[in-house]
PDB file of all heavy atoms in Angstrom:
ATOM      1  N   GLN A   1     108.808  90.016  96.615  1.00  0.00           N
ATOM      2  CA  GLN A   1     108.028  89.265  97.265  1.00  0.00           C
ATOM      3  C   GLN A   1     106.933  88.563  96.353  1.00  0.00           C
ATOM      4  O   GLN A   1     106.133  87.706  96.789  1.00  0.00           O
ATOM      5  CB  GLN A   1     107.181  89.891  98.393  1.00  0.00           C
ATOM      6  CG  GLN A   1     108.144  90.255  99.571  1.00  0.00           C
ATOM      7  CD  GLN A   1     107.327  91.035 100.619  1.00  0.00           C
ATOM      8  OE1 GLN A   1     106.475  91.764 100.360  1.00  0.00           O
ATOM      9  NE2 GLN A   1     107.548  90.706 101.942  1.00  0.00           N
ATOM     10  N   GLY A   2     106.936  88.919  95.059  1.00  0.00           N
ATOM     11  CA  GLY A   2     105.757  88.451  94.213  1.00  0.00           C
ATOM     12  C   GLY A   2     105.684  86.908  94.053  1.00  0.00           C
ATOM     13  O   GLY A   2     104.434  86.507  94.243  1.00  0.00           O
ATOM     14  N   ASP A   3     106.739  86.197  93.941  1.00  0.00           N
ATOM     15  CA  ASP A   3     106.686  84.751  93.857  1.00  0.00           C
ATOM     16  C   ASP A   3     106.224  84.118  95.047  1.00  0.00           C
ATOM     17  O   ASP A   3     105.407  83.199  95.028  1.00  0.00           O
ATOM     18  CB  ASP A   3     108.037  84.242  93.466  1.00  0.00           C
ATOM     19  CG  ASP A   3     108.349  84.551  92.011  1.00  0.00           C
ATOM     20  OD1 ASP A   3     107.483  85.002  91.265  1.00  0.00           O
ATOM     21  OD2 ASP A   3     109.577  84.348  91.745  1.00  0.00           O
ATOM     22  N   ASP A   4     106.617  84.655  96.138  1.00  0.00           N
ATOM     23  CA  ASP A   4     106.120  84.126  97.550  1.00  0.00           C
ATOM     24  C   ASP A   4     104.735  84.305  97.696  1.00  0.00           C
ATOM     25  O   ASP A   4     103.976  83.420  98.206  1.00  0.00           O
ATOM     26  CB  ASP A   4     107.042  84.712  98.631  1.00  0.00           C
ATOM     27  CG  ASP A   4     108.448  84.161  98.636  1.00  0.00           C
ATOM     28  OD1 ASP A   4     108.610  83.091  98.186  1.00  0.00           O
ATOM     29  OD2 ASP A   4     109.350  84.968  99.190  1.00  0.00           O
ATOM     30  N   VAL A   5     104.264  85.476  97.318  1.00  0.00           N
ATOM     31  CA  VAL A   5     102.819  85.842  97.630  1.00  0.00           C
ATOM     32  C   VAL A   5     101.968  85.060  96.653  1.00  0.00           C
ATOM     33  O   VAL A   5     100.813  84.354  97.093  1.00  0.00           O
ATOM     34  CB  VAL A   5     102.584  87.389  97.409  1.00  0.00           C
ATOM     35  CG1 VAL A   5     101.049  87.719  97.388  1.00  0.00           C
ATOM     36  CG2 VAL A   5     103.310  88.246  98.432  1.00  0.00           C
ATOM     37  N   ALA A   6     102.350  84.881  95.437  1.00  0.00           N
ATOM     38  CA  ALA A   6     101.488  84.029  94.432  1.00  0.00           C
ATOM     39  C   ALA A   6     101.583  82.621  94.948  1.00  0.00           C
ATOM     40  O   ALA A   6     100.610  81.825  94.835  1.00  0.00           O
ATOM     41  CB  ALA A   6     102.252  84.124  93.027  1.00  0.00           C
ATOM     42  N   GLY A   7     102.642  82.141  95.599  1.00  0.00           N
ATOM     43  CA  GLY A   7     102.693  80.847  96.086  1.00  0.00           C
ATOM     44  C   GLY A   7     101.759  80.635  97.211  1.00  0.00           C
ATOM     45  O   GLY A   7     101.073  79.550  97.372  1.00  0.00           O
ATOM     46  N   ILE A   8     101.643  81.545  98.074  1.00  0.00           N
ATOM     47  CA  ILE A   8     100.623  81.473  99.203  1.00  0.00           C
ATOM     48  C   ILE A   8      99.296  81.393  98.543  1.00  0.00           C
ATOM     49  O   ILE A   8      98.393  80.653  99.010  1.00  0.00           O
ATOM     50  CB  ILE A   8     100.775  82.683 100.140  1.00  0.00           C
ATOM     51  CG1 ILE A   8     102.139  82.613 100.869  1.00  0.00           C
ATOM     52  CG2 ILE A   8      99.654  82.741 101.058  1.00  0.00           C
ATOM     53  CD1 ILE A   8     102.579  83.743 101.716  1.00  0.00           C
ATOM     54  N   ALA A   9      99.032  82.296  97.545  1.00  0.00           N
ATOM     55  CA  ALA A   9      97.709  82.225  96.986  1.00  0.00           C
ATOM     56  C   ALA A   9      97.346  80.980  96.341  1.00  0.00           C
ATOM     57  O   ALA A   9      96.136  80.425  96.582  1.00  0.00           O
ATOM     58  CB  ALA A   9      97.615  83.264  95.877  1.00  0.00           C
ATOM     59  N   ARG A  10      98.284  80.371  95.577  1.00  0.00           N
ATOM     60  CA  ARG A  10      97.939  79.018  94.897  1.00  0.00           C
ATOM     61  C   ARG A  10      97.732  77.959  95.963  1.00  0.00           C
ATOM     62  O   ARG A  10      97.036  77.038  95.843  1.00  0.00           O
ATOM     63  CB  ARG A  10      99.111  78.689  93.987  1.00  0.00           C
ATOM     64  CG  ARG A  10      99.264  79.606  92.787  1.00  0.00           C
ATOM     65  CD  ARG A  10     100.298  79.065  91.837  1.00  0.00           C
ATOM     66  NE  ARG A  10     100.403  80.042  90.667  1.00  0.00           N
ATOM     67  CZ  ARG A  10     101.331  80.933  90.656  1.00  0.00           C
ATOM     68  NH1 ARG A  10     102.322  80.997  91.634  1.00  0.00           N
ATOM     69  NH2 ARG A  10     101.400  81.761  89.621  1.00  0.00           N
ATOM     70  N   GLY A  11      98.505  78.001  97.106  1.00  0.00           N
ATOM     71  CA  GLY A  11      98.424  77.031  98.219  1.00  0.00           C
ATOM     72  C   GLY A  11      96.936  77.158  98.786  1.00  0.00           C
ATOM     73  O   GLY A  11      96.594  76.137  99.420  1.00  0.00           O
ATOM     74  N   GLU A  12      96.263  78.208  98.686  1.00  0.00           N
ATOM     75  CA  GLU A  12      94.851  78.420  99.258  1.00  0.00           C
ATOM     76  C   GLU A  12      93.935  78.062  98.180  1.00  0.00           C
ATOM     77  O   GLU A  12      92.753  78.561  98.475  1.00  0.00           O
ATOM     78  CB  GLU A  12      94.790  79.822  99.940  1.00  0.00           C
ATOM     79  CG  GLU A  12      95.627  79.858 101.199  1.00  0.00           C
ATOM     80  CD  GLU A  12      95.095  79.154 102.267  1.00  0.00           C
ATOM     81  OE1 GLU A  12      94.002  78.746 102.210  1.00  0.00           O
ATOM     82  OE2 GLU A  12      95.854  78.939 103.323  1.00  0.00           O
ATOM     83  N   GLY A  13      94.333  77.797  97.052  1.00  0.00           N
ATOM     84  CA  GLY A  13      93.282  77.387  95.943  1.00  0.00           C
ATOM     85  C   GLY A  13      92.985  78.445  95.049  1.00  0.00           C
ATOM     86  O   GLY A  13      92.168  78.377  94.164  1.00  0.00           O
ATOM     87  N   TRP A  14      93.767  79.583  95.017  1.00  0.00           N
ATOM     88  CA  TRP A  14      93.567  80.673  94.118  1.00  0.00           C
ATOM     89  C   TRP A  14      94.424  80.416  92.910  1.00  0.00           C
ATOM     90  O   TRP A  14      95.693  80.356  92.977  1.00  0.00           O
ATOM     91  CB  TRP A  14      93.960  81.988  94.726  1.00  0.00           C
ATOM     92  CG  TRP A  14      93.218  82.371  95.883  1.00  0.00           C
ATOM     93  CD1 TRP A  14      93.261  81.771  97.111  1.00  0.00           C
ATOM     94  CD2 TRP A  14      92.270  83.481  96.036  1.00  0.00           C
ATOM     95  NE1 TRP A  14      92.469  82.482  98.063  1.00  0.00           N
ATOM     96  CE2 TRP A  14      91.824  83.465  97.418  1.00  0.00           C
ATOM     97  CE3 TRP A  14      91.798  84.445  95.235  1.00  0.00           C
ATOM     98  CZ2 TRP A  14      90.851  84.455  97.922  1.00  0.00           C
ATOM     99  CZ3 TRP A  14      90.811  85.386  95.707  1.00  0.00           C
ATOM    100  CH2 TRP A  14      90.435  85.290  97.062  1.00  0.00           C
ATOM    101  N   ALA A  15      93.815  80.310  91.716  1.00  0.00           N
ATOM    102  CA  ALA A  15      94.609  79.903  90.503  1.00  0.00           C
ATOM    103  C   ALA A  15      94.689  81.073  89.433  1.00  0.00           C
ATOM    104  O   ALA A  15      95.540  81.129  88.639  1.00  0.00           O
ATOM    105  CB  ALA A  15      93.946  78.636  89.917  1.00  0.00           C
ATOM    106  N   ASP A  16      93.660  81.844  89.453  1.00  0.00           N
ATOM    107  CA  ASP A  16      93.548  82.922  88.494  1.00  0.00           C
ATOM    108  C   ASP A  16      94.215  84.308  88.928  1.00  0.00           C
ATOM    109  O   ASP A  16      93.785  85.092  89.608  1.00  0.00           O
ATOM    110  CB  ASP A  16      92.120  83.320  88.142  1.00  0.00           C
ATOM    111  CG  ASP A  16      91.971  84.094  86.939  1.00  0.00           C
ATOM    112  OD1 ASP A  16      92.945  84.583  86.347  1.00  0.00           O
ATOM    113  OD2 ASP A  16      90.845  84.247  86.411  1.00  0.00           O
ATOM    114  N   LEU A  17      95.507  84.330  88.642  1.00  0.00           N
ATOM    115  CA  LEU A  17      96.416  85.346  89.264  1.00  0.00           C
ATOM    116  C   LEU A  17      96.949  86.227  88.090  1.00  0.00           C
ATOM    117  O   LEU A  17      97.369  85.801  87.119  1.00  0.00           O
ATOM    118  CB  LEU A  17      97.546  84.662  90.048  1.00  0.00           C
ATOM    119  CG  LEU A  17      97.220  83.768  91.193  1.00  0.00           C
ATOM    120  CD1 LEU A  17      98.450  83.112  91.776  1.00  0.00           C
ATOM    121  CD2 LEU A  17      96.234  84.297  92.275  1.00  0.00           C
ATOM    122  N   GLU A  18      97.208  87.580  88.606  1.00  0.00           N
ATOM    123  CA  GLU A  18      97.680  88.480  87.508  1.00  0.00           C
ATOM    124  C   GLU A  18      98.448  89.587  88.302  1.00  0.00           C
ATOM    125  O   GLU A  18      98.079  90.033  89.331  1.00  0.00           O
ATOM    126  CB  GLU A  18      96.601  89.138  86.898  1.00  0.00           C
ATOM    127  CG  GLU A  18      97.013  89.886  85.532  1.00  0.00           C
ATOM    128  CD  GLU A  18      95.841  90.409  84.854  1.00  0.00           C
ATOM    129  OE1 GLU A  18      94.732  90.042  85.137  1.00  0.00           O
ATOM    130  OE2 GLU A  18      96.066  91.321  83.915  1.00  0.00           O
ATOM    131  N   PHE A  19      99.735  89.813  87.797  1.00  0.00           N
ATOM    132  CA  PHE A  19     100.580  90.825  88.517  1.00  0.00           C
ATOM    133  C   PHE A  19     100.377  92.212  87.764  1.00  0.00           C
ATOM    134  O   PHE A  19     100.149  92.290  86.470  1.00  0.00           O
ATOM    135  CB  PHE A  19     102.097  90.459  88.325  1.00  0.00           C
ATOM    136  CG  PHE A  19     102.450  89.344  89.269  1.00  0.00           C
ATOM    137  CD1 PHE A  19     102.680  88.142  88.906  1.00  0.00           C
ATOM    138  CD2 PHE A  19     102.633  89.640  90.678  1.00  0.00           C
ATOM    139  CE1 PHE A  19     103.021  86.982  89.743  1.00  0.00           C
ATOM    140  CE2 PHE A  19     102.932  88.620  91.545  1.00  0.00           C
ATOM    141  CZ  PHE A  19     103.150  87.323  91.023  1.00  0.00           C
ATOM    142  N   ARG A  20     100.700  93.191  88.531  1.00  0.00           N
ATOM    143  CA  ARG A  20     100.735  94.687  88.035  1.00  0.00           C
ATOM    144  C   ARG A  20     102.003  95.285  88.527  1.00  0.00           C
ATOM    145  O   ARG A  20     102.312  95.027  89.704  1.00  0.00           O
ATOM    146  CB  ARG A  20      99.585  95.520  88.539  1.00  0.00           C
ATOM    147  CG  ARG A  20      98.220  95.065  87.726  1.00  0.00           C
ATOM    148  CD  ARG A  20      98.111  95.595  86.282  1.00  0.00           C
ATOM    149  NE  ARG A  20      97.037  95.445  85.765  1.00  0.00           N
ATOM    150  CZ  ARG A  20      96.540  94.128  85.184  1.00  0.00           C
ATOM    151  NH1 ARG A  20      97.374  93.156  85.165  1.00  0.00           N
ATOM    152  NH2 ARG A  20      95.309  94.121  84.629  1.00  0.00           N
ATOM    153  N   ALA A  21     102.646  96.168  87.777  1.00  0.00           N
ATOM    154  CA  ALA A  21     103.946  96.787  88.141  1.00  0.00           C
ATOM    155  C   ALA A  21     103.615  98.196  88.761  1.00  0.00           C
ATOM    156  O   ALA A  21     102.641  98.825  88.410  1.00  0.00           O
ATOM    157  CB  ALA A  21     104.944  96.943  87.037  1.00  0.00           C
ATOM    158  N   ASP A  22     104.609  98.674  89.439  1.00  0.00           N
ATOM    159  CA  ASP A  22     104.383 100.065  89.949  1.00  0.00           C
ATOM    160  C   ASP A  22     105.113 101.033  88.950  1.00  0.00           C
ATOM    161  O   ASP A  22     105.472 100.633  87.902  1.00  0.00           O
ATOM    162  CB  ASP A  22     105.030 100.159  91.420  1.00  0.00           C
ATOM    163  CG  ASP A  22     106.536  99.904  91.398  1.00  0.00           C
ATOM    164  OD1 ASP A  22     107.153  99.935  90.331  1.00  0.00           O
ATOM    165  OD2 ASP A  22     107.109  99.557  92.461  1.00  0.00           O
ATOM    166  N   LEU A  23     105.233 102.320  89.494  1.00  0.00           N
ATOM    167  CA  LEU A  23     105.809 103.365  88.496  1.00  0.00           C
ATOM    168  C   LEU A  23     107.219 103.159  88.171  1.00  0.00           C
ATOM    169  O   LEU A  23     107.730 103.599  87.137  1.00  0.00           O
ATOM    170  CB  LEU A  23     105.752 104.712  89.202  1.00  0.00           C
ATOM    171  CG  LEU A  23     104.311 105.104  89.532  1.00  0.00           C
ATOM    172  CD1 LEU A  23     104.302 106.519  90.393  1.00  0.00           C
ATOM    173  CD2 LEU A  23     103.460 105.364  88.315  1.00  0.00           C
ATOM    174  N   ASP A  24     107.929 102.231  88.971  1.00  0.00           N
ATOM    175  CA  ASP A  24     109.368 101.905  88.622  1.00  0.00           C
ATOM    176  C   ASP A  24     109.442 100.554  87.878  1.00  0.00           C
ATOM    177  O   ASP A  24     110.495 100.107  87.794  1.00  0.00           O
ATOM    178  CB  ASP A  24     110.189 101.868  89.895  1.00  0.00           C
ATOM    179  CG  ASP A  24     110.376 103.260  90.584  1.00  0.00           C
ATOM    180  OD1 ASP A  24     110.458 104.237  89.817  1.00  0.00           O
ATOM    181  OD2 ASP A  24     110.300 103.304  91.755  1.00  0.00           O
TER     182      ASP A  24
END
């Protein structure tokens, strides 16, 4: 879901985004 969630964020004006991975 990462790309979809980031797309929602950008659509609301959030530009400074960073991902983190889980234990896997």
